Amino acid sequence: MKRFILILITAVAAVTALQAQPPERTANQDKYYVRRATHFDDLPVYRNDIIMLGNSLTDGAEWNELFRNPNVKNRGIIGDIVQGLYERMEPILQGQPRKIFILSGVNDVSHGVDGDSIGRVMEKLIVLIKERSPRTEIYLQSMLPFNTDVQMWKLLAGREQVVIDGNRAMEEVCKRQGVTWINLYPLFVDKNGKLREDLTNDGLHLLGPGYLIWRDAVINYVNDKGYHGKGHHGKGHPRKHHKPRRHRRF
């Protein structure tokens, strides 16, 4: 009997240890990506924290300074795709943060992924967050436009419509999952459907004024002044819903 109990305890410990391991990262083995992802693995997340999760657009900002809030933490990595966010969620979810703001998808677009597929992977990510950290408020932000007239991004050329389709798919995800949708796209697009030239110097990434627009669009959500009802949708500001070979790193 004692031997059986010992075997049972050993088996339970082995299963627990296995479950504690983060999922294997397959999305990106770029050296910068791995350096930053493994760094985030070792940084604590607390229950009062607000996580900014995404790709190079998120990576490029000093969010805690923009919001003047030390609880706002940057978890953006250059080159990340939506599946990459999913694979590196474990250290974040262990901390049960108060809020997570997600912006991702343009690198998926550059990899030839269609809008509906982006929506499906994003929904998988949202379901994971809801299951593992039910108290966390989720804010899904739209993809921003890009501008190949400023600089040619060959893998994005002619794929402007995919961003629009992906935003539409992700908005539907928000409705199904009851999370907040923030449509940033109209704030950054010009009359030709491209990223405004005054907000970028390479057609994809934001200059300082662009980050101020982004900050102002979400600050009420960060500071608990937005509407947090299920399925809420907004365009930058809180309001009720009514009828957006090796791949180059972005």
C-alpha atoms as a PDB file:
ATOM      1  CA  MET A   1       0.000   0.000   0.000  1.00  0.00           C
ATOM      2  CA  LYS A   2       2.819   2.400   0.899  1.00  0.00           C
ATOM      3  CA  ARG A   3       4.526   1.610  -2.388  1.00  0.00           C
ATOM      4  CA  PHE A   4       1.298   2.340  -4.294  1.00  0.00           C
ATOM      5  CA  ILE A   5       0.904   5.695  -2.528  1.00  0.00           C
ATOM      6  CA  LEU A   6       4.539   6.576  -3.286  1.00  0.00           C
ATOM      7  CA  ILE A   7       4.052   5.734  -6.976  1.00  0.00           C
ATOM      8  CA  LEU A   8       0.848   7.790  -7.056  1.00  0.00           C
ATOM      9  CA  ILE A   9       2.547  10.814  -5.470  1.00  0.00           C
ATOM     10  CA  THR A  10       5.440  10.552  -7.923  1.00  0.00           C
ATOM     11  CA  ALA A  11       3.049  10.370 -10.883  1.00  0.00           C
ATOM     12  CA  VAL A  12       1.053  13.396  -9.700  1.00  0.00           C
ATOM     13  CA  ALA A  13       4.265  15.386  -9.184  1.00  0.00           C
ATOM     14  CA  ALA A  14       5.458  14.486 -12.667  1.00  0.00           C
ATOM     15  CA  VAL A  15       2.168  15.565 -14.250  1.00  0.00           C
ATOM     16  CA  THR A  16       2.175  18.814 -12.253  1.00  0.00           C
ATOM     17  CA  ALA A  17       5.729  19.594 -13.336  1.00  0.00           C
ATOM     18  CA  LEU A  18       4.810  18.885 -16.944  1.00  0.00           C
ATOM     19  CA  GLN A  19       1.789  21.179 -16.787  1.00  0.00           C
ATOM     20  CA  ALA A  20       3.917  23.954 -15.293  1.00  0.00           C
ATOM     21  CA  GLN A  21       6.144  24.070 -18.353  1.00  0.00           C
ATOM     22  CA  PRO A  22       5.304  26.837 -20.841  1.00  0.00           C
ATOM     23  CA  PRO A  23       4.279  25.695 -24.337  1.00  0.00           C
ATOM     24  CA  GLU A  24       7.102  25.106 -26.773  1.00  0.00           C
ATOM     25  CA  ARG A  25       7.801  28.206 -28.844  1.00  0.00           C
ATOM     26  CA  THR A  26       7.578  27.413 -32.521  1.00  0.00           C
ATOM     27  CA  ALA A  27       6.362  30.729 -33.944  1.00  0.00           C
ATOM     28  CA  ASN A  28       9.690  32.581 -34.099  1.00  0.00           C
ATOM     29  CA  GLN A  29      13.276  31.557 -33.440  1.00  0.00           C
ATOM     30  CA  ASP A  30      14.798  34.932 -34.314  1.00  0.00           C
ATOM     31  CA  LYS A  31      17.584  35.789 -31.856  1.00  0.00           C
ATOM     32  CA  TYR A  32      16.036  39.082 -30.718  1.00  0.00           C
ATOM     33  CA  TYR A  33      12.668  37.397 -30.304  1.00  0.00           C
ATOM     34  CA  VAL A  34      14.092  34.611 -28.161  1.00  0.00           C
ATOM     35  CA  ARG A  35      16.113  37.055 -26.048  1.00  0.00           C
ATOM     36  CA  ARG A  36      13.068  39.158 -25.302  1.00  0.00           C
ATOM     37  CA  ALA A  37      10.679  36.246 -24.798  1.00  0.00           C
ATOM     38  CA  THR A  38      12.982  34.507 -22.333  1.00  0.00           C
ATOM     39  CA  HIS A  39      13.500  37.822 -20.539  1.00  0.00           C
ATOM     40  CA  PHE A  40       9.731  38.181 -20.142  1.00  0.00           C
ATOM     41  CA  ASP A  41       9.619  34.636 -18.734  1.00  0.00           C
ATOM     42  CA  ASP A  42      11.610  35.862 -15.732  1.00  0.00           C
ATOM     43  CA  LEU A  43       9.776  39.127 -15.108  1.00  0.00           C
ATOM     44  CA  PRO A  44       6.912  39.026 -12.597  1.00  0.00           C
ATOM     45  CA  VAL A  45       3.316  39.907 -13.418  1.00  0.00           C
ATOM     46  CA  TYR A  46       1.013  40.898 -10.563  1.00  0.00           C
ATOM     47  CA  ARG A  47      -2.740  41.046 -10.139  1.00  0.00           C
ATOM     48  CA  ASN A  48      -2.874  44.824 -10.488  1.00  0.00           C
ATOM     49  CA  ASP A  49      -0.789  44.925 -13.666  1.00  0.00           C
ATOM     50  CA  ILE A  50      -1.940  46.046 -17.107  1.00  0.00           C
ATOM     51  CA  ILE A  51      -0.245  44.162 -19.939  1.00  0.00           C
ATOM     52  CA  MET A  52       0.370  45.637 -23.391  1.00  0.00           C
ATOM     53  CA  LEU A  53       0.738  42.552 -25.599  1.00  0.00           C
ATOM     54  CA  GLY A  54       1.736  42.554 -29.240  1.00  0.00           C
ATOM     55  CA  ASN A  55       4.390  42.879 -31.935  1.00  0.00           C
ATOM     56  CA  SER A  56       6.866  45.630 -32.859  1.00  0.00           C
ATOM     57  CA  LEU A  57       4.216  48.330 -32.625  1.00  0.00           C
ATOM     58  CA  THR A  58       3.735  47.493 -28.947  1.00  0.00           C
ATOM     59  CA  ASP A  59       7.437  46.799 -28.430  1.00  0.00           C
ATOM     60  CA  GLY A  60       8.292  50.307 -29.611  1.00  0.00           C
ATOM     61  CA  ALA A  61       6.593  52.274 -26.816  1.00  0.00           C
ATOM     62  CA  GLU A  62       7.438  53.111 -23.214  1.00  0.00           C
ATOM     63  CA  TRP A  63       3.926  52.397 -22.046  1.00  0.00           C
ATOM     64  CA  ASN A  64       4.391  52.975 -18.336  1.00  0.00           C
ATOM     65  CA  GLU A  65       5.714  56.454 -19.093  1.00  0.00           C
ATOM     66  CA  LEU A  66       3.002  57.212 -21.626  1.00  0.00           C
ATOM     67  CA  PHE A  67       0.318  56.346 -19.079  1.00  0.00           C
ATOM     68  CA  ARG A  68       2.339  57.519 -16.061  1.00  0.00           C
ATOM     69  CA  ASN A  69       1.508  54.203 -14.461  1.00  0.00           C
ATOM     70  CA  PRO A  70       4.174  51.751 -13.236  1.00  0.00           C
ATOM     71  CA  ASN A  71       1.671  48.898 -13.400  1.00  0.00           C
ATOM     72  CA  VAL A  72       1.510  49.109 -17.200  1.00  0.00           C
ATOM     73  CA  LYS A  73       3.961  46.545 -18.579  1.00  0.00           C
ATOM     74  CA  ASN A  74       5.220  46.069 -22.120  1.00  0.00           C
ATOM     75  CA  ARG A  75       5.058  42.524 -23.490  1.00  0.00           C
ATOM     76  CA  GLY A  76       5.515  43.371 -27.164  1.00  0.00           C
ATOM     77  CA  ILE A  77       8.125  41.655 -29.338  1.00  0.00           C
ATOM     78  CA  ILE A  78       9.265  42.625 -32.812  1.00  0.00           C
ATOM     79  CA  GLY A  79       8.132  40.110 -35.412  1.00  0.00           C
ATOM     80  CA  ASP A  80       5.491  38.386 -33.310  1.00  0.00           C
ATOM     81  CA  ILE A  81       2.422  36.753 -34.797  1.00  0.00           C
ATOM     82  CA  VAL A  82      -0.829  35.876 -33.033  1.00  0.00           C
ATOM     83  CA  GLN A  83       0.283  32.268 -32.498  1.00  0.00           C
ATOM     84  CA  GLY A  84       3.462  33.625 -30.932  1.00  0.00           C
ATOM     85  CA  LEU A  85       1.401  35.540 -28.372  1.00  0.00           C
ATOM     86  CA  TYR A  86      -0.474  32.351 -27.569  1.00  0.00           C
ATOM     87  CA  GLU A  87       2.746  30.411 -27.035  1.00  0.00           C
ATOM     88  CA  ARG A  88       4.231  32.916 -24.591  1.00  0.00           C
ATOM     89  CA  MET A  89       1.167  33.581 -22.415  1.00  0.00           C
ATOM     90  CA  GLU A  90       2.084  31.273 -19.529  1.00  0.00           C
ATOM     91  CA  PRO A  91       4.204  33.735 -17.476  1.00  0.00           C
ATOM     92  CA  ILE A  92       1.566  36.421 -17.971  1.00  0.00           C
ATOM     93  CA  LEU A  93      -1.390  34.264 -17.000  1.00  0.00           C
ATOM     94  CA  GLN A  94       0.357  32.952 -13.907  1.00  0.00           C
ATOM     95  CA  GLY A  95       0.234  36.525 -12.585  1.00  0.00           C
ATOM     96  CA  GLN A  96      -3.511  36.925 -13.231  1.00  0.00           C
ATOM     97  CA  PRO A  97      -3.169  40.549 -14.453  1.00  0.00           C
ATOM     98  CA  ARG A  98      -6.009  43.016 -14.174  1.00  0.00           C
ATOM     99  CA  LYS A  99      -6.092  43.885 -17.890  1.00  0.00           C
ATOM    100  CA  ILE A 100      -4.534  42.767 -21.156  1.00  0.00           C
ATOM    101  CA  PHE A 101      -4.470  44.981 -24.266  1.00  0.00           C
ATOM    102  CA  ILE A 102      -3.765  42.999 -27.439  1.00  0.00           C
ATOM    103  CA  LEU A 103      -2.652  44.321 -30.824  1.00  0.00           C
ATOM    104  CA  SER A 104      -1.378  41.828 -33.381  1.00  0.00           C
ATOM    105  CA  GLY A 105      -1.895  40.522 -36.896  1.00  0.00           C
ATOM    106  CA  VAL A 106       0.175  42.522 -39.386  1.00  0.00           C
ATOM    107  CA  ASN A 107       3.020  39.991 -39.320  1.00  0.00           C
ATOM    108  CA  ASP A 108       0.477  37.263 -40.003  1.00  0.00           C
ATOM    109  CA  VAL A 109      -0.674  39.331 -42.995  1.00  0.00           C
ATOM    110  CA  SER A 110       2.916  39.515 -44.231  1.00  0.00           C
ATOM    111  CA  HIS A 111       3.167  35.714 -43.963  1.00  0.00           C
ATOM    112  CA  GLY A 112       0.246  35.276 -46.356  1.00  0.00           C
ATOM    113  CA  VAL A 113      -2.387  34.521 -43.715  1.00  0.00           C
ATOM    114  CA  ASP A 114      -5.946  35.606 -44.554  1.00  0.00           C
ATOM    115  CA  GLY A 115      -8.185  37.702 -42.328  1.00  0.00           C
ATOM    116  CA  ASP A 116     -10.468  34.888 -41.189  1.00  0.00           C
ATOM    117  CA  SER A 117      -7.495  32.777 -40.118  1.00  0.00           C
ATOM    118  CA  ILE A 118      -6.133  35.675 -38.070  1.00  0.00           C
ATOM    119  CA  GLY A 119      -9.505  35.906 -36.358  1.00  0.00           C
ATOM    120  CA  ARG A 120      -9.522  32.188 -35.544  1.00  0.00           C
ATOM    121  CA  VAL A 121      -6.091  32.219 -33.897  1.00  0.00           C
ATOM    122  CA  MET A 122      -6.977  35.401 -32.019  1.00  0.00           C
ATOM    123  CA  GLU A 123     -10.103  33.713 -30.698  1.00  0.00           C
ATOM    124  CA  LYS A 124      -7.986  30.789 -29.475  1.00  0.00           C
ATOM    125  CA  LEU A 125      -5.791  33.281 -27.595  1.00  0.00           C
ATOM    126  CA  ILE A 126      -8.775  35.019 -26.019  1.00  0.00           C
ATOM    127  CA  VAL A 127     -10.332  31.727 -24.928  1.00  0.00           C
ATOM    128  CA  LEU A 128      -7.029  30.778 -23.283  1.00  0.00           C
ATOM    129  CA  ILE A 129      -6.921  34.041 -21.324  1.00  0.00           C
ATOM    130  CA  LYS A 130     -10.549  33.685 -20.227  1.00  0.00           C
ATOM    131  CA  GLU A 131     -10.014  30.117 -19.065  1.00  0.00           C
ATOM    132  CA  ARG A 132      -6.726  30.662 -17.266  1.00  0.00           C
ATOM    133  CA  SER A 133      -7.341  34.148 -15.841  1.00  0.00           C
ATOM    134  CA  PRO A 134     -11.107  34.759 -15.639  1.00  0.00           C
ATOM    135  CA  ARG A 135     -10.770  38.044 -13.730  1.00  0.00           C
ATOM    136  CA  THR A 136      -8.598  39.640 -16.426  1.00  0.00           C
ATOM    137  CA  GLU A 137     -10.290  42.266 -18.585  1.00  0.00           C
ATOM    138  CA  ILE A 138      -9.410  41.745 -22.262  1.00  0.00           C
ATOM    139  CA  TYR A 139      -9.150  44.588 -24.768  1.00  0.00           C
ATOM    140  CA  LEU A 140      -8.584  43.634 -28.399  1.00  0.00           C
ATOM    141  CA  GLN A 141      -7.295  46.453 -30.579  1.00  0.00           C
ATOM    142  CA  SER A 142      -7.558  46.526 -34.351  1.00  0.00           C
ATOM    143  CA  MET A 143      -4.626  46.203 -36.696  1.00  0.00           C
ATOM    144  CA  LEU A 144      -3.323  49.514 -38.019  1.00  0.00           C
ATOM    145  CA  PRO A 145      -2.961  50.319 -41.710  1.00  0.00           C
ATOM    146  CA  PHE A 146       0.436  50.333 -43.398  1.00  0.00           C
ATOM    147  CA  ASN A 147       1.838  52.438 -46.235  1.00  0.00           C
ATOM    148  CA  THR A 148       4.042  50.893 -48.909  1.00  0.00           C
ATOM    149  CA  ASP A 149       4.388  54.306 -50.602  1.00  0.00           C
ATOM    150  CA  VAL A 150       6.656  55.433 -47.763  1.00  0.00           C
ATOM    151  CA  GLN A 151       8.737  52.264 -47.852  1.00  0.00           C
ATOM    152  CA  MET A 152       8.212  49.081 -49.799  1.00  0.00           C
ATOM    153  CA  TRP A 153       7.410  46.127 -47.593  1.00  0.00           C
ATOM    154  CA  LYS A 154       7.329  43.413 -50.259  1.00  0.00           C
ATOM    155  CA  LEU A 155       5.507  40.902 -48.106  1.00  0.00           C
ATOM    156  CA  LEU A 156       2.721  43.415 -47.445  1.00  0.00           C
ATOM    157  CA  ALA A 157       2.368  44.820 -50.957  1.00  0.00           C
ATOM    158  CA  GLY A 158      -1.237  44.676 -52.138  1.00  0.00           C
ATOM    159  CA  ARG A 159      -2.508  43.189 -48.874  1.00  0.00           C
ATOM    160  CA  GLU A 160      -4.276  46.244 -47.447  1.00  0.00           C
ATOM    161  CA  GLN A 161      -7.656  44.524 -47.741  1.00  0.00           C
ATOM    162  CA  VAL A 162      -6.442  41.627 -45.578  1.00  0.00           C
ATOM    163  CA  VAL A 163      -5.979  44.060 -42.689  1.00  0.00           C
ATOM    164  CA  ILE A 164      -9.571  45.243 -43.130  1.00  0.00           C
ATOM    165  CA  ASP A 165     -10.830  41.657 -43.361  1.00  0.00           C
ATOM    166  CA  GLY A 166      -8.806  40.643 -40.316  1.00  0.00           C
ATOM    167  CA  ASN A 167     -10.170  43.540 -38.302  1.00  0.00           C
ATOM    168  CA  ARG A 168     -13.696  42.577 -39.262  1.00  0.00           C
ATOM    169  CA  ALA A 169     -13.034  38.972 -38.214  1.00  0.00           C
ATOM    170  CA  MET A 170     -11.547  40.047 -34.887  1.00  0.00           C
ATOM    171  CA  GLU A 171     -14.471  42.348 -34.178  1.00  0.00           C
ATOM    172  CA  GLU A 172     -16.767  39.343 -34.598  1.00  0.00           C
ATOM    173  CA  VAL A 173     -14.560  37.418 -32.171  1.00  0.00           C
ATOM    174  CA  CYS A 174     -15.086  40.157 -29.601  1.00  0.00           C
ATOM    175  CA  LYS A 175     -18.843  39.898 -30.013  1.00  0.00           C
ATOM    176  CA  ARG A 176     -18.783  36.123 -29.569  1.00  0.00           C
ATOM    177  CA  GLN A 177     -16.411  36.163 -26.618  1.00  0.00           C
ATOM    178  CA  GLY A 178     -17.830  39.224 -24.862  1.00  0.00           C
ATOM    179  CA  VAL A 179     -14.611  41.226 -24.751  1.00  0.00           C
ATOM    180  CA  THR A 180     -13.915  44.856 -25.588  1.00  0.00           C
ATOM    181  CA  TRP A 181     -13.054  45.822 -29.175  1.00  0.00           C
ATOM    182  CA  ILE A 182     -11.096  49.054 -29.757  1.00  0.00           C
ATOM    183  CA  ASN A 183     -10.996  50.114 -33.392  1.00  0.00           C
ATOM    184  CA  LEU A 184      -7.806  52.133 -33.809  1.00  0.00           C
ATOM    185  CA  TYR A 185      -7.728  51.799 -37.603  1.00  0.00           C
ATOM    186  CA  PRO A 186      -9.762  54.960 -38.435  1.00  0.00           C
ATOM    187  CA  LEU A 187      -7.413  57.100 -36.333  1.00  0.00           C
ATOM    188  CA  PHE A 188      -4.364  56.143 -38.413  1.00  0.00           C
ATOM    189  CA  VAL A 189      -5.659  55.732 -41.968  1.00  0.00           C
ATOM    190  CA  ASP A 190      -5.508  58.408 -44.678  1.00  0.00           C
ATOM    191  CA  LYS A 191      -8.028  59.022 -47.459  1.00  0.00           C
ATOM    192  CA  ASN A 192      -6.269  56.421 -49.643  1.00  0.00           C
ATOM    193  CA  GLY A 193      -6.531  53.643 -47.082  1.00  0.00           C
ATOM    194  CA  LYS A 194      -2.884  53.864 -46.018  1.00  0.00           C
ATOM    195  CA  LEU A 195      -1.085  54.674 -42.786  1.00  0.00           C
ATOM    196  CA  ARG A 196      -0.836  58.456 -42.456  1.00  0.00           C
ATOM    197  CA  GLU A 197       2.588  59.659 -43.607  1.00  0.00           C
ATOM    198  CA  ASP A 198       2.854  62.132 -40.744  1.00  0.00           C
ATOM    199  CA  LEU A 199       2.793  59.243 -38.247  1.00  0.00           C
ATOM    200  CA  THR A 200       5.515  56.995 -39.721  1.00  0.00           C
ATOM    201  CA  ASN A 201       8.966  57.126 -41.276  1.00  0.00           C
ATOM    202  CA  ASP A 202       8.947  53.618 -42.730  1.00  0.00           C
ATOM    203  CA  GLY A 203       5.311  52.990 -43.631  1.00  0.00           C
ATOM    204  CA  LEU A 204       4.662  50.534 -40.815  1.00  0.00           C
ATOM    205  CA  HIS A 205       6.034  51.652 -37.459  1.00  0.00           C
ATOM    206  CA  LEU A 206       4.894  54.699 -35.529  1.00  0.00           C
ATOM    207  CA  LEU A 207       6.645  57.948 -34.762  1.00  0.00           C
ATOM    208  CA  GLY A 208       6.137  59.621 -31.393  1.00  0.00           C
ATOM    209  CA  PRO A 209       2.919  61.457 -32.391  1.00  0.00           C
ATOM    210  CA  GLY A 210       1.417  58.139 -33.449  1.00  0.00           C
ATOM    211  CA  TYR A 211       1.949  56.707 -29.988  1.00  0.00           C
ATOM    212  CA  LEU A 212       0.270  59.743 -28.465  1.00  0.00           C
ATOM    213  CA  ILE A 213      -2.789  59.100 -30.635  1.00  0.00           C
ATOM    214  CA  TRP A 214      -2.789  55.468 -29.566  1.00  0.00           C
ATOM    215  CA  ARG A 215      -2.395  56.412 -25.908  1.00  0.00           C
ATOM    216  CA  ASP A 216      -5.240  58.912 -26.041  1.00  0.00           C
ATOM    217  CA  ALA A 217      -7.468  56.340 -27.739  1.00  0.00           C
ATOM    218  CA  VAL A 218      -7.128  53.761 -24.968  1.00  0.00           C
ATOM    219  CA  ILE A 219      -6.337  55.807 -21.853  1.00  0.00           C
ATOM    220  CA  ASN A 220      -9.917  55.730 -20.571  1.00  0.00           C
ATOM    221  CA  TYR A 221      -9.854  51.936 -20.698  1.00  0.00           C
ATOM    222  CA  VAL A 222      -6.506  51.847 -18.903  1.00  0.00           C
ATOM    223  CA  ASN A 223      -7.745  54.252 -16.232  1.00  0.00           C
ATOM    224  CA  ASP A 224     -11.111  52.521 -15.677  1.00  0.00           C
ATOM    225  CA  LYS A 225     -13.116  55.345 -17.236  1.00  0.00           C
ATOM    226  CA  GLY A 226     -14.341  53.257 -20.159  1.00  0.00           C
ATOM    227  CA  TYR A 227     -17.426  51.095 -20.434  1.00  0.00           C
ATOM    228  CA  HIS A 228     -16.591  47.503 -19.513  1.00  0.00           C
ATOM    229  CA  GLY A 229     -19.769  45.691 -20.415  1.00  0.00           C
ATOM    230  CA  LYS A 230     -19.614  42.406 -22.289  1.00  0.00           C
ATOM    231  CA  GLY A 231     -19.180  42.756 -26.006  1.00  0.00           C
ATOM    232  CA  HIS A 232     -18.503  46.471 -25.811  1.00  0.00           C
ATOM    233  CA  HIS A 233     -17.094  48.019 -28.960  1.00  0.00           C
ATOM    234  CA  GLY A 234     -15.449  51.370 -29.364  1.00  0.00           C
ATOM    235  CA  LYS A 235     -13.579  53.448 -31.898  1.00  0.00           C
ATOM    236  CA  GLY A 236     -10.740  54.793 -29.846  1.00  0.00           C
ATOM    237  CA  HIS A 237     -12.984  56.074 -27.060  1.00  0.00           C
ATOM    238  CA  PRO A 238     -15.527  54.338 -24.816  1.00  0.00           C
ATOM    239  CA  ARG A 239     -18.999  54.101 -26.239  1.00  0.00           C
ATOM    240  CA  LYS A 240     -21.722  51.505 -26.582  1.00  0.00           C
ATOM    241  CA  HIS A 241     -21.689  49.249 -29.616  1.00  0.00           C
ATOM    242  CA  HIS A 242     -23.337  50.394 -32.836  1.00  0.00           C
ATOM    243  CA  LYS A 243     -23.686  49.589 -36.464  1.00  0.00           C
ATOM    244  CA  PRO A 244     -12.109  47.543 -38.684  1.00  0.00           C
ATOM    245  CA  ARG A 245      11.681  31.424 -47.138  1.00  0.00           C
ATOM    246  CA  ARG A 246      12.435  33.533 -43.822  1.00  0.00           C
ATOM    247  CA  HIS A 247      10.088  36.310 -43.198  1.00  0.00           C
ATOM    248  CA  ARG A 248      11.211  39.830 -42.579  1.00  0.00           C
ATOM    249  CA  ARG A 249      10.922  41.059 -39.011  1.00  0.00           C
ATOM    250  CA  PHE A 250       8.474  43.925 -38.373  1.00  0.00           C
END
